[in-house]
Amino acid sequence: MKWLTGEEVRAAAKKSKRAAIACAKKHWWQNHTATEKEMRVFAKTHRPAGYRLCALCWRYNQNNVHKLGRYWCPLKKAKDKTYCCNQYTKALRAFTNWKAKVGNGRYSTFTKKAKAMYDRICEL
């Protein structure tokens, strides 16, 4: 698989909201469709479920936004208790569990959560 690079993600984030959404969709689709072998290789040097490869995070979670106490990412809903949506929190937890091989750390759990994240972005 040809994974998105950090440079591609940051360029999309700078370009426009539409480009950031398209890039984020691609990122989460890659997480959903990657084989476990592809993910193991990629995860040695990257954190696929983290903010560094999410163009929406780069677009909306920069420029001292945290210092202002506001987070303007369009994925966040008022009831969400994190800087992103609940689907992100669940996908990140599933990825971490899979990588650490703890609890219910099956790869299929992560790919299902990645699909839920992709679906959430598609709602934008």
C-alpha atoms as a PDB file:
ATOM      1  CA  MET A   1       0.000   0.000   0.000  1.00  0.00           C
ATOM      2  CA  LYS A   2       1.184   3.508  -0.735  1.00  0.00           C
ATOM      3  CA  TRP A   3       0.516   5.254   2.561  1.00  0.00           C
ATOM      4  CA  LEU A   4      -0.115   8.959   2.877  1.00  0.00           C
ATOM      5  CA  THR A   5       2.960  10.882   3.937  1.00  0.00           C
ATOM      6  CA  GLY A   6       3.148  13.591   6.543  1.00  0.00           C
ATOM      7  CA  GLU A   7       3.980  16.073   3.809  1.00  0.00           C
ATOM      8  CA  GLU A   8       0.829  15.172   1.869  1.00  0.00           C
ATOM      9  CA  VAL A   9      -1.273  15.473   5.003  1.00  0.00           C
ATOM     10  CA  ARG A  10       0.112  18.890   5.955  1.00  0.00           C
ATOM     11  CA  ALA A  11      -0.267  20.169   2.373  1.00  0.00           C
ATOM     12  CA  ALA A  12      -3.932  19.136   2.313  1.00  0.00           C
ATOM     13  CA  ALA A  13      -4.481  20.729   5.713  1.00  0.00           C
ATOM     14  CA  LYS A  14      -3.061  24.030   4.463  1.00  0.00           C
ATOM     15  CA  LYS A  15      -4.940  23.980   1.172  1.00  0.00           C
ATOM     16  CA  SER A  16      -8.583  24.000   2.290  1.00  0.00           C
ATOM     17  CA  LYS A  17     -11.197  22.424   4.508  1.00  0.00           C
ATOM     18  CA  ARG A  18     -12.382  20.310   1.566  1.00  0.00           C
ATOM     19  CA  ALA A  19      -8.842  19.048   0.873  1.00  0.00           C
ATOM     20  CA  ALA A  20      -8.338  18.265   4.571  1.00  0.00           C
ATOM     21  CA  ILE A  21     -11.569  16.262   4.680  1.00  0.00           C
ATOM     22  CA  ALA A  22     -10.638  14.332   1.514  1.00  0.00           C
ATOM     23  CA  CYS A  23      -7.194  13.557   2.920  1.00  0.00           C
ATOM     24  CA  ALA A  24      -8.627  12.469   6.285  1.00  0.00           C
ATOM     25  CA  LYS A  25     -11.061  10.180   4.489  1.00  0.00           C
ATOM     26  CA  LYS A  26      -8.193   8.611   2.557  1.00  0.00           C
ATOM     27  CA  HIS A  27      -6.168   8.187   5.747  1.00  0.00           C
ATOM     28  CA  TRP A  28      -8.944   6.362   7.596  1.00  0.00           C
ATOM     29  CA  TRP A  29      -9.858   4.299   4.540  1.00  0.00           C
ATOM     30  CA  GLN A  30      -6.237   3.139   4.409  1.00  0.00           C
ATOM     31  CA  ASN A  31      -6.445   2.198   8.087  1.00  0.00           C
ATOM     32  CA  HIS A  32      -9.630   0.254   7.399  1.00  0.00           C
ATOM     33  CA  THR A  33      -8.401  -1.620   4.311  1.00  0.00           C
ATOM     34  CA  ALA A  34      -4.756  -2.319   5.166  1.00  0.00           C
ATOM     35  CA  THR A  35      -3.839  -5.908   5.779  1.00  0.00           C
ATOM     36  CA  GLU A  36      -2.437  -6.728   9.177  1.00  0.00           C
ATOM     37  CA  LYS A  37       0.966  -7.322   7.598  1.00  0.00           C
ATOM     38  CA  GLU A  38       0.918  -3.909   5.879  1.00  0.00           C
ATOM     39  CA  MET A  39      -0.073  -2.260   9.132  1.00  0.00           C
ATOM     40  CA  ARG A  40       2.642  -4.005  11.132  1.00  0.00           C
ATOM     41  CA  VAL A  41       5.304  -2.734   8.737  1.00  0.00           C
ATOM     42  CA  PHE A  42       3.873   0.796   8.664  1.00  0.00           C
ATOM     43  CA  ALA A  43       3.287   0.932  12.420  1.00  0.00           C
ATOM     44  CA  LYS A  44       6.988   0.338  13.100  1.00  0.00           C
ATOM     45  CA  THR A  45       7.708   3.937  12.090  1.00  0.00           C
ATOM     46  CA  HIS A  46       4.299   5.650  12.195  1.00  0.00           C
ATOM     47  CA  ARG A  47       1.216   5.868  14.362  1.00  0.00           C
ATOM     48  CA  PRO A  48      -1.583   5.314  11.848  1.00  0.00           C
ATOM     49  CA  ALA A  49      -4.357   6.141  14.289  1.00  0.00           C
ATOM     50  CA  GLY A  50      -2.663   9.255  15.617  1.00  0.00           C
ATOM     51  CA  TYR A  51      -3.075  12.904  14.784  1.00  0.00           C
ATOM     52  CA  ARG A  52       0.093  13.216  12.713  1.00  0.00           C
ATOM     53  CA  LEU A  53      -1.548  11.630   9.681  1.00  0.00           C
ATOM     54  CA  CYS A  54      -4.920  13.343  10.030  1.00  0.00           C
ATOM     55  CA  ALA A  55      -5.270  16.471   7.895  1.00  0.00           C
ATOM     56  CA  LEU A  56      -8.201  17.650  10.008  1.00  0.00           C
ATOM     57  CA  CYS A  57      -6.015  17.560  13.118  1.00  0.00           C
ATOM     58  CA  TRP A  58      -3.317  19.520  11.299  1.00  0.00           C
ATOM     59  CA  ARG A  59      -5.819  22.074  10.008  1.00  0.00           C
ATOM     60  CA  TYR A  60      -7.772  22.651  13.218  1.00  0.00           C
ATOM     61  CA  ASN A  61      -5.442  21.675  16.039  1.00  0.00           C
ATOM     62  CA  GLN A  62      -2.641  24.111  15.329  1.00  0.00           C
ATOM     63  CA  ASN A  63      -1.858  27.776  16.041  1.00  0.00           C
ATOM     64  CA  ASN A  64      -2.367  27.685  19.803  1.00  0.00           C
ATOM     65  CA  VAL A  65      -5.918  26.408  19.573  1.00  0.00           C
ATOM     66  CA  HIS A  66      -5.407  24.408  22.776  1.00  0.00           C
ATOM     67  CA  LYS A  67      -4.235  27.510  24.630  1.00  0.00           C
ATOM     68  CA  LEU A  68      -7.498  29.186  23.744  1.00  0.00           C
ATOM     69  CA  GLY A  69      -9.400  26.228  25.139  1.00  0.00           C
ATOM     70  CA  ARG A  70     -11.313  25.734  21.899  1.00  0.00           C
ATOM     71  CA  TYR A  71     -11.126  23.035  19.292  1.00  0.00           C
ATOM     72  CA  TRP A  72     -12.811  23.770  16.004  1.00  0.00           C
ATOM     73  CA  CYS A  73     -12.480  20.447  14.193  1.00  0.00           C
ATOM     74  CA  PRO A  74     -15.739  19.741  12.389  1.00  0.00           C
ATOM     75  CA  LEU A  75     -15.706  16.147  13.679  1.00  0.00           C
ATOM     76  CA  LYS A  76     -16.075  17.202  17.298  1.00  0.00           C
ATOM     77  CA  LYS A  77     -19.579  17.322  18.682  1.00  0.00           C
ATOM     78  CA  ALA A  78     -20.516  19.186  21.835  1.00  0.00           C
ATOM     79  CA  LYS A  79     -21.002  15.951  23.813  1.00  0.00           C
ATOM     80  CA  ASP A  80     -17.599  14.533  22.840  1.00  0.00           C
ATOM     81  CA  LYS A  81     -15.210  14.579  25.789  1.00  0.00           C
ATOM     82  CA  THR A  82     -12.006  14.666  23.766  1.00  0.00           C
ATOM     83  CA  TYR A  83     -10.517  16.973  21.135  1.00  0.00           C
ATOM     84  CA  CYS A  84     -12.046  14.812  18.425  1.00  0.00           C
ATOM     85  CA  CYS A  85     -15.095  12.626  17.970  1.00  0.00           C
ATOM     86  CA  ASN A  86     -15.839   9.478  19.961  1.00  0.00           C
ATOM     87  CA  GLN A  87     -15.083   7.330  16.912  1.00  0.00           C
ATOM     88  CA  TYR A  88     -11.501   8.611  16.967  1.00  0.00           C
ATOM     89  CA  THR A  89     -11.097   7.756  20.650  1.00  0.00           C
ATOM     90  CA  LYS A  90     -12.344   4.222  20.025  1.00  0.00           C
ATOM     91  CA  ALA A  91     -10.144   3.727  16.951  1.00  0.00           C
ATOM     92  CA  LEU A  92      -7.056   4.971  18.782  1.00  0.00           C
ATOM     93  CA  ARG A  93      -7.763   2.670  21.744  1.00  0.00           C
ATOM     94  CA  ALA A  94      -8.285  -0.313  19.403  1.00  0.00           C
ATOM     95  CA  PHE A  95      -5.029   0.437  17.575  1.00  0.00           C
ATOM     96  CA  THR A  96      -3.092   0.782  20.825  1.00  0.00           C
ATOM     97  CA  ASN A  97      -4.540  -2.477  22.169  1.00  0.00           C
ATOM     98  CA  TRP A  98      -3.745  -4.326  18.945  1.00  0.00           C
ATOM     99  CA  LYS A  99      -0.187  -3.036  18.830  1.00  0.00           C
ATOM    100  CA  ALA A 100       0.410  -3.843  22.501  1.00  0.00           C
ATOM    101  CA  LYS A 101      -1.484  -7.150  22.224  1.00  0.00           C
ATOM    102  CA  VAL A 102      -3.567  -6.437  25.315  1.00  0.00           C
ATOM    103  CA  GLY A 103      -7.162  -7.287  26.089  1.00  0.00           C
ATOM    104  CA  ASN A 104      -9.353  -7.375  23.027  1.00  0.00           C
ATOM    105  CA  GLY A 105      -6.445  -6.328  20.816  1.00  0.00           C
ATOM    106  CA  ARG A 106      -7.530  -7.996  17.583  1.00  0.00           C
ATOM    107  CA  TYR A 107      -6.660  -6.324  14.321  1.00  0.00           C
ATOM    108  CA  SER A 108     -10.226  -6.735  13.086  1.00  0.00           C
ATOM    109  CA  THR A 109     -11.400  -4.597  16.011  1.00  0.00           C
ATOM    110  CA  PHE A 110      -9.134  -1.784  14.880  1.00  0.00           C
ATOM    111  CA  THR A 111     -10.228  -1.998  11.245  1.00  0.00           C
ATOM    112  CA  LYS A 112     -13.904  -1.855  12.296  1.00  0.00           C
ATOM    113  CA  LYS A 113     -13.209   1.235  14.397  1.00  0.00           C
ATOM    114  CA  ALA A 114     -11.240   2.770  11.513  1.00  0.00           C
ATOM    115  CA  LYS A 115     -14.265   2.200   9.268  1.00  0.00           C
ATOM    116  CA  ALA A 116     -16.476   3.942  11.816  1.00  0.00           C
ATOM    117  CA  MET A 117     -14.062   6.870  11.766  1.00  0.00           C
ATOM    118  CA  TYR A 118     -14.157   6.936   7.963  1.00  0.00           C
ATOM    119  CA  ASP A 119     -17.968   6.894   8.062  1.00  0.00           C
ATOM    120  CA  ARG A 120     -17.956   9.783  10.542  1.00  0.00           C
ATOM    121  CA  ILE A 121     -15.768  11.866   8.219  1.00  0.00           C
ATOM    122  CA  CYS A 122     -18.084  11.039   5.310  1.00  0.00           C
ATOM    123  CA  GLU A 123     -20.901  12.694   7.270  1.00  0.00           C
ATOM    124  CA  LEU A 124     -19.181  16.079   6.942  1.00  0.00           C
END
